[in-house]
Amino acid sequence: MVDAANRALLELLDIEQLEVDLFRGTGGGGETLKRIFGGQVIAQALMAAYRTVPDRLCHSLHAYFIRPGDPEIPVIYQVDRARDGGSFTTRRVVAIQHGRQILNMSASFHVEEDGWDHQHDMPRVPGPDGLVSLQQRREEAAGKIPEKYRDEFLRLRPIEIREVEPLDFFAPDVASDSNQVWFRVPGAAGTSPVMQHCMLAYASDMYLLGSSLRPHGLTWLQPRVMTASLDHAMWFHAPIAFENWHLYVMDSPRSGGGRGFNRGSIYTADGQLVASTAQEGLVRPVAPRG
């Protein structure tokens, strides 16, 4: 089953070319039922951009979520070849459903160069081997999920996750905005650097927005909370081997006005910083019914 989930992710990101600079990706298949998972649209948009850039790797992307994606239909990705330079290449990608934009993204690609190196150290946290998997936590909590949603809640997913300081799904304590998870995709082994980037982009949308809920004792599973990613930025610093464990270190410096701001750093298990993220999301209180 896990192998099937990994294959499904690879197929999800292997988008179809329709015409020059025009691609089609599967709509359903991500992490949510009612709308397409934001990380999926980012990853497919990045893959569409990559299909027009044969000779260099992405170093940064900046995306805006404009409308919720419909999981029942495909997504069309239109690529604009904004610039082909000697060192940098720029692409703009628009994701379209029902004739309207659901996401637009700019991505920049850079030739490999030498330069000065430094990075912040990875924080000291327990390693993944001693932590409970997210799948096990879901199985233990399944009895509290309405039966019509239970199969989806328990569905095996390609990204293996172990939280350093997990919170109760339904009644979390007030906690620090500091948030760390270990994650990996076993099916990433043997894939290209391009696919590695797209899989990490997919996973980078997980848990990030939740950092801004932790100080308020909230999770997205509570009916009084409405959440949605508004934008997403990502920087790739070093080669990715996502079949191995990586530590996603996140925090939320500020929430207010119905929005939460979040930052992330992604490290290899031996402490190399390979990617950084930033995201603002909607964190709106929902009035109780009746």
Protein backbone atom coordinates (compact mmCIF):
# COMPACT_ATOMS: atom_id res chain seq x y z
CA MET A 1 0.00 0.00 0.00
CA VAL A 2 2.81 2.40 0.80
CA ASP A 3 4.45 1.58 -2.54
CA ALA A 4 1.13 2.32 -4.25
CA ALA A 5 0.93 5.70 -2.52
CA ASN A 6 4.47 6.53 -3.64
CA ARG A 7 3.69 5.55 -7.22
CA ALA A 8 0.54 7.67 -7.11
CA LEU A 9 2.57 10.74 -6.09
CA LEU A 10 5.08 10.21 -8.90
CA GLU A 11 2.22 9.86 -11.40
CA LEU A 12 0.52 12.96 -9.98
CA LEU A 13 3.63 15.05 -10.65
CA ASP A 14 4.30 13.58 -14.11
CA ILE A 15 2.07 16.09 -15.88
CA GLU A 16 0.97 15.77 -19.50
CA GLN A 17 2.14 18.13 -22.24
CA LEU A 18 -0.73 19.36 -24.44
CA GLU A 19 1.05 21.93 -26.59
CA VAL A 20 4.14 24.11 -26.48
CA ASP A 21 4.18 25.63 -22.96
CA LEU A 22 0.77 24.12 -22.11
CA PHE A 23 0.38 21.21 -19.67
CA ARG A 24 -2.33 19.28 -17.85
CA GLY A 25 -2.17 17.85 -14.35
CA THR A 26 -4.52 15.58 -12.43
CA GLY A 27 -6.87 17.43 -10.10
CA GLY A 28 -7.63 14.89 -7.38
CA GLY A 29 -5.20 12.71 -5.48
CA GLY A 30 -3.69 15.04 -2.91
CA GLU A 31 -4.17 15.47 0.81
CA THR A 32 -7.72 16.86 0.94
CA LEU A 33 -11.19 15.98 -0.35
CA LYS A 34 -13.02 19.28 -0.87
CA ARG A 35 -10.25 21.17 -2.67
CA ILE A 36 -6.92 20.38 -4.27
CA PHE A 37 -4.05 20.39 -1.77
CA GLY A 38 -2.05 23.58 -2.30
CA GLY A 39 1.28 21.77 -2.33
CA GLN A 40 0.05 19.66 -5.23
CA VAL A 41 -0.70 22.72 -7.39
CA ILE A 42 2.69 24.26 -6.51
CA ALA A 43 4.51 21.03 -7.36
CA GLN A 44 2.68 20.55 -10.66
CA ALA A 45 3.26 24.20 -11.59
CA LEU A 46 6.97 23.78 -10.83
CA MET A 47 7.06 20.64 -12.98
CA ALA A 48 5.40 22.56 -15.82
CA ALA A 49 8.07 25.26 -15.56
CA TYR A 50 10.80 22.61 -15.48
CA ARG A 51 9.49 21.09 -18.73
CA THR A 52 10.60 24.34 -20.43
CA VAL A 53 14.00 24.62 -18.66
CA PRO A 54 16.29 21.74 -19.67
CA ASP A 55 19.64 22.80 -18.31
CA ARG A 56 19.39 24.26 -14.78
CA LEU A 57 17.65 23.81 -11.44
CA CYS A 58 15.15 26.01 -9.65
CA HIS A 59 16.55 28.14 -6.83
CA SER A 60 13.34 29.96 -5.85
CA LEU A 61 9.61 30.11 -6.46
CA HIS A 62 6.88 32.52 -5.36
CA ALA A 63 3.23 31.53 -5.68
CA TYR A 64 -0.17 33.02 -4.92
CA PHE A 65 -3.24 30.88 -4.30
CA ILE A 66 -6.15 32.69 -5.96
CA ARG A 67 -9.06 30.24 -5.84
CA PRO A 68 -9.62 26.77 -4.34
CA GLY A 69 -8.82 23.98 -6.79
CA ASP A 70 -11.58 21.60 -7.87
CA PRO A 71 -10.36 18.00 -7.31
CA GLU A 72 -12.92 16.62 -9.78
CA ILE A 73 -11.30 18.06 -12.93
CA PRO A 74 -7.73 18.45 -14.30
CA VAL A 75 -5.65 21.59 -13.92
CA ILE A 76 -4.24 23.37 -16.98
CA TYR A 77 -0.79 24.96 -16.57
CA GLN A 78 0.26 27.72 -18.96
CA VAL A 79 3.95 28.62 -18.93
CA ASP A 80 5.31 32.03 -19.95
CA ARG A 81 9.02 31.98 -20.87
CA ALA A 82 9.72 35.33 -19.24
CA ARG A 83 13.51 35.25 -19.59
CA ASP A 84 16.33 32.97 -20.73
CA GLY A 85 19.57 34.53 -19.49
CA GLY A 86 23.16 33.44 -19.28
CA SER A 87 22.97 32.59 -15.56
CA PHE A 88 19.28 32.80 -14.69
CA THR A 89 16.06 31.65 -16.34
CA THR A 90 12.64 32.95 -15.26
CA ARG A 91 9.27 31.34 -15.83
CA ARG A 92 5.74 32.43 -14.96
CA VAL A 93 3.10 29.71 -14.60
CA VAL A 94 -0.67 30.16 -14.40
CA ALA A 95 -2.84 27.27 -13.17
CA ILE A 96 -6.36 27.32 -14.63
CA GLN A 97 -9.65 25.55 -13.90
CA HIS A 98 -13.12 26.42 -15.18
CA GLY A 99 -11.47 29.16 -17.26
CA ARG A 100 -10.18 31.00 -14.17
CA GLN A 101 -6.81 31.23 -12.44
CA ILE A 102 -6.44 29.19 -9.26
CA LEU A 103 -2.71 29.89 -8.80
CA ASN A 104 0.01 31.94 -10.40
CA MET A 105 3.68 31.37 -9.76
CA SER A 106 7.05 32.79 -10.72
CA ALA A 107 10.09 30.52 -10.61
CA SER A 108 13.75 31.31 -11.15
CA PHE A 109 16.40 28.82 -12.30
CA HIS A 110 20.16 29.23 -11.91
CA VAL A 111 23.21 27.59 -13.45
CA GLU A 112 25.48 25.80 -10.98
CA GLU A 113 28.14 28.14 -9.58
CA ASP A 114 30.75 28.17 -6.82
CA GLY A 115 30.58 30.73 -4.02
CA TRP A 116 30.97 31.39 -0.30
CA ASP A 117 29.00 29.11 2.03
CA HIS A 118 27.46 29.54 5.46
CA GLN A 119 24.23 28.45 7.15
CA HIS A 120 22.45 28.47 10.50
CA ASP A 121 22.81 25.29 12.50
CA MET A 122 19.98 22.81 12.67
CA PRO A 123 18.28 22.85 16.11
CA ARG A 124 18.81 19.88 18.38
CA VAL A 125 15.65 17.76 18.45
CA PRO A 126 14.89 14.06 18.93
CA GLY A 127 15.56 11.99 15.84
CA PRO A 128 12.78 10.30 13.85
CA ASP A 129 13.47 6.75 15.06
CA GLY A 130 12.05 7.40 18.53
CA LEU A 131 8.93 9.26 17.39
CA VAL A 132 5.43 8.01 16.63
CA SER A 133 4.42 8.16 12.96
CA LEU A 134 1.55 10.34 11.85
CA GLN A 135 -0.15 7.27 10.42
CA GLN A 136 -0.11 5.57 13.83
CA ARG A 137 -1.50 8.71 15.46
CA ARG A 138 -4.30 8.81 12.89
CA GLU A 139 -5.15 5.16 13.56
CA GLU A 140 -5.32 5.82 17.31
CA ALA A 141 -7.64 8.82 16.75
CA ALA A 142 -9.84 7.27 14.05
CA GLY A 143 -12.68 6.53 16.44
CA LYS A 144 -13.30 10.26 16.87
CA ILE A 145 -13.69 10.84 13.14
CA PRO A 146 -17.20 10.59 11.59
CA GLU A 147 -17.52 7.30 9.75
CA LYS A 148 -18.05 8.92 6.35
CA TYR A 149 -14.60 10.60 6.62
CA ARG A 150 -12.75 7.77 8.35
CA ASP A 151 -11.40 5.98 5.29
CA GLU A 152 -9.94 9.23 3.94
CA PHE A 153 -8.45 10.07 7.35
CA LEU A 154 -6.72 6.66 7.46
CA ARG A 155 -5.63 6.54 3.82
CA LEU A 156 -1.95 5.75 3.44
CA ARG A 157 -0.02 8.72 2.10
CA PRO A 158 3.33 8.89 0.29
CA ILE A 159 4.93 11.33 2.72
CA GLU A 160 6.04 9.67 5.93
CA ILE A 161 5.78 12.14 8.83
CA ARG A 162 6.86 12.07 12.47
CA GLU A 163 6.11 15.13 14.60
CA VAL A 164 8.61 16.20 17.26
CA GLU A 165 5.95 17.75 19.55
CA PRO A 166 2.56 16.54 18.28
CA LEU A 167 -0.66 18.15 19.49
CA ASP A 168 -4.03 16.51 20.02
CA PHE A 169 -5.98 16.57 16.74
CA PHE A 170 -9.20 17.77 18.35
CA ALA A 171 -8.36 19.49 21.67
CA PRO A 172 -4.78 20.79 21.43
CA ASP A 173 -3.11 22.60 24.28
CA VAL A 174 -1.78 26.12 23.76
CA ALA A 175 1.78 25.58 22.53
CA SER A 176 4.80 27.38 21.15
CA ASP A 177 4.67 28.47 17.52
CA SER A 178 7.94 26.55 17.13
CA ASN A 179 7.02 23.43 15.18
CA GLN A 180 9.24 20.61 13.89
CA VAL A 181 8.45 17.48 11.89
CA TRP A 182 10.60 14.82 10.28
CA PHE A 183 9.43 13.81 6.82
CA ARG A 184 10.54 11.76 3.82
CA VAL A 185 9.20 10.06 0.67
CA PRO A 186 10.64 6.54 0.32
CA GLY A 187 9.55 6.50 -3.33
CA ALA A 188 11.88 9.40 -4.12
CA ALA A 189 14.85 7.02 -4.36
CA GLY A 190 16.33 6.98 -7.86
CA THR A 191 14.29 9.91 -9.17
CA SER A 192 15.74 12.94 -10.99
CA PRO A 193 16.77 16.20 -9.26
CA VAL A 194 13.73 17.80 -10.91
CA MET A 195 11.33 15.27 -9.38
CA GLN A 196 13.08 15.63 -6.02
CA HIS A 197 12.44 19.39 -6.12
CA CYS A 198 8.79 18.88 -7.05
CA MET A 199 8.21 16.34 -4.27
CA LEU A 200 9.80 18.63 -1.68
CA ALA A 201 7.70 21.54 -2.97
CA TYR A 202 4.60 19.35 -2.55
CA ALA A 203 5.52 18.46 1.04
CA SER A 204 6.58 21.99 1.99
CA ASP A 205 2.91 23.09 2.18
CA MET A 206 2.27 20.58 4.98
CA TYR A 207 2.29 21.77 8.62
CA LEU A 208 3.58 25.24 7.77
CA LEU A 209 0.30 27.10 8.25
CA GLY A 210 -0.46 25.05 11.35
CA SER A 211 2.43 26.78 13.12
CA SER A 212 0.29 29.94 13.41
CA LEU A 213 -2.52 27.95 15.07
CA ARG A 214 -0.41 26.40 17.83
CA PRO A 215 -0.20 29.48 20.14
CA HIS A 216 -4.00 29.63 20.15
CA GLY A 217 -4.71 25.98 20.95
CA LEU A 218 -6.21 25.33 17.52
CA THR A 219 -5.95 22.80 14.69
CA TRP A 220 -7.51 22.73 11.22
CA LEU A 221 -9.73 19.80 12.30
CA GLN A 222 -11.77 22.01 14.61
CA PRO A 223 -15.03 23.32 13.11
CA ARG A 224 -14.49 26.83 14.50
CA VAL A 225 -11.36 27.35 12.40
CA MET A 226 -11.16 28.26 8.70
CA THR A 227 -7.71 27.98 7.14
CA ALA A 228 -6.35 28.43 3.63
CA SER A 229 -2.90 29.11 2.20
CA LEU A 230 -2.70 32.54 0.57
CA ASP A 231 0.83 32.52 -0.81
CA HIS A 232 3.93 30.34 -0.67
CA ALA A 233 7.60 31.03 -1.29
CA MET A 234 10.42 28.51 -1.43
CA TRP A 235 14.19 28.63 -1.92
CA PHE A 236 16.29 25.59 -2.82
CA HIS A 237 19.83 25.75 -1.46
CA ALA A 238 21.39 22.31 -2.02
CA PRO A 239 20.73 18.96 -3.71
CA ILE A 240 17.72 17.01 -2.40
CA ALA A 241 17.52 13.27 -1.59
CA PHE A 242 13.99 13.16 -0.18
CA GLU A 243 14.02 9.39 0.27
CA ASN A 244 16.02 10.19 3.42
CA TRP A 245 14.68 11.86 6.56
CA HIS A 246 14.60 15.66 6.57
CA LEU A 247 13.73 17.95 9.47
CA TYR A 248 11.21 20.71 8.74
CA VAL A 249 11.74 23.48 11.31
CA MET A 250 8.90 26.03 11.33
CA ASP A 251 7.72 29.02 13.33
CA SER A 252 5.10 31.75 13.14
CA PRO A 253 6.43 35.18 14.14
CA ARG A 254 3.04 36.88 13.78
CA SER A 255 -0.69 36.29 13.43
CA GLY A 256 -3.33 39.02 13.18
CA GLY A 257 -6.12 40.39 11.06
CA GLY A 258 -7.27 36.91 10.09
CA ARG A 259 -3.85 35.96 8.68
CA GLY A 260 -0.93 33.96 10.02
CA PHE A 261 2.68 34.35 8.81
CA ASN A 262 4.94 31.30 8.89
CA ARG A 263 8.57 30.45 8.08
CA GLY A 264 10.33 27.14 7.53
CA SER A 265 13.81 25.66 7.17
CA ILE A 266 14.40 22.15 5.81
CA TYR A 267 17.51 20.25 6.91
CA THR A 268 19.00 16.87 6.09
CA ALA A 269 19.40 14.50 9.02
CA ASP A 270 23.09 15.45 9.25
CA GLY A 271 22.26 19.16 9.50
CA GLN A 272 22.64 20.61 5.99
CA LEU A 273 20.12 23.35 5.19
CA VAL A 274 18.68 22.39 1.79
CA ALA A 275 15.58 24.61 1.48
CA SER A 276 13.68 27.48 3.11
CA THR A 277 10.01 28.46 2.96
CA ALA A 278 7.67 31.30 3.89
CA GLN A 279 3.90 31.41 3.79
CA GLU A 280 0.98 33.56 4.84
CA GLY A 281 -2.40 31.93 5.32
CA LEU A 282 -5.96 32.67 6.25
CA VAL A 283 -6.70 31.76 9.90
CA ARG A 284 -10.26 32.96 10.34
CA PRO A 285 -12.53 32.18 13.30
CA VAL A 286 -15.87 30.63 12.31
CA ALA A 287 -18.98 31.54 14.33
CA PRO A 288 -20.78 28.51 15.79
CA ARG A 289 -23.95 27.48 13.95
CA GLY A 290 -27.34 28.14 15.50
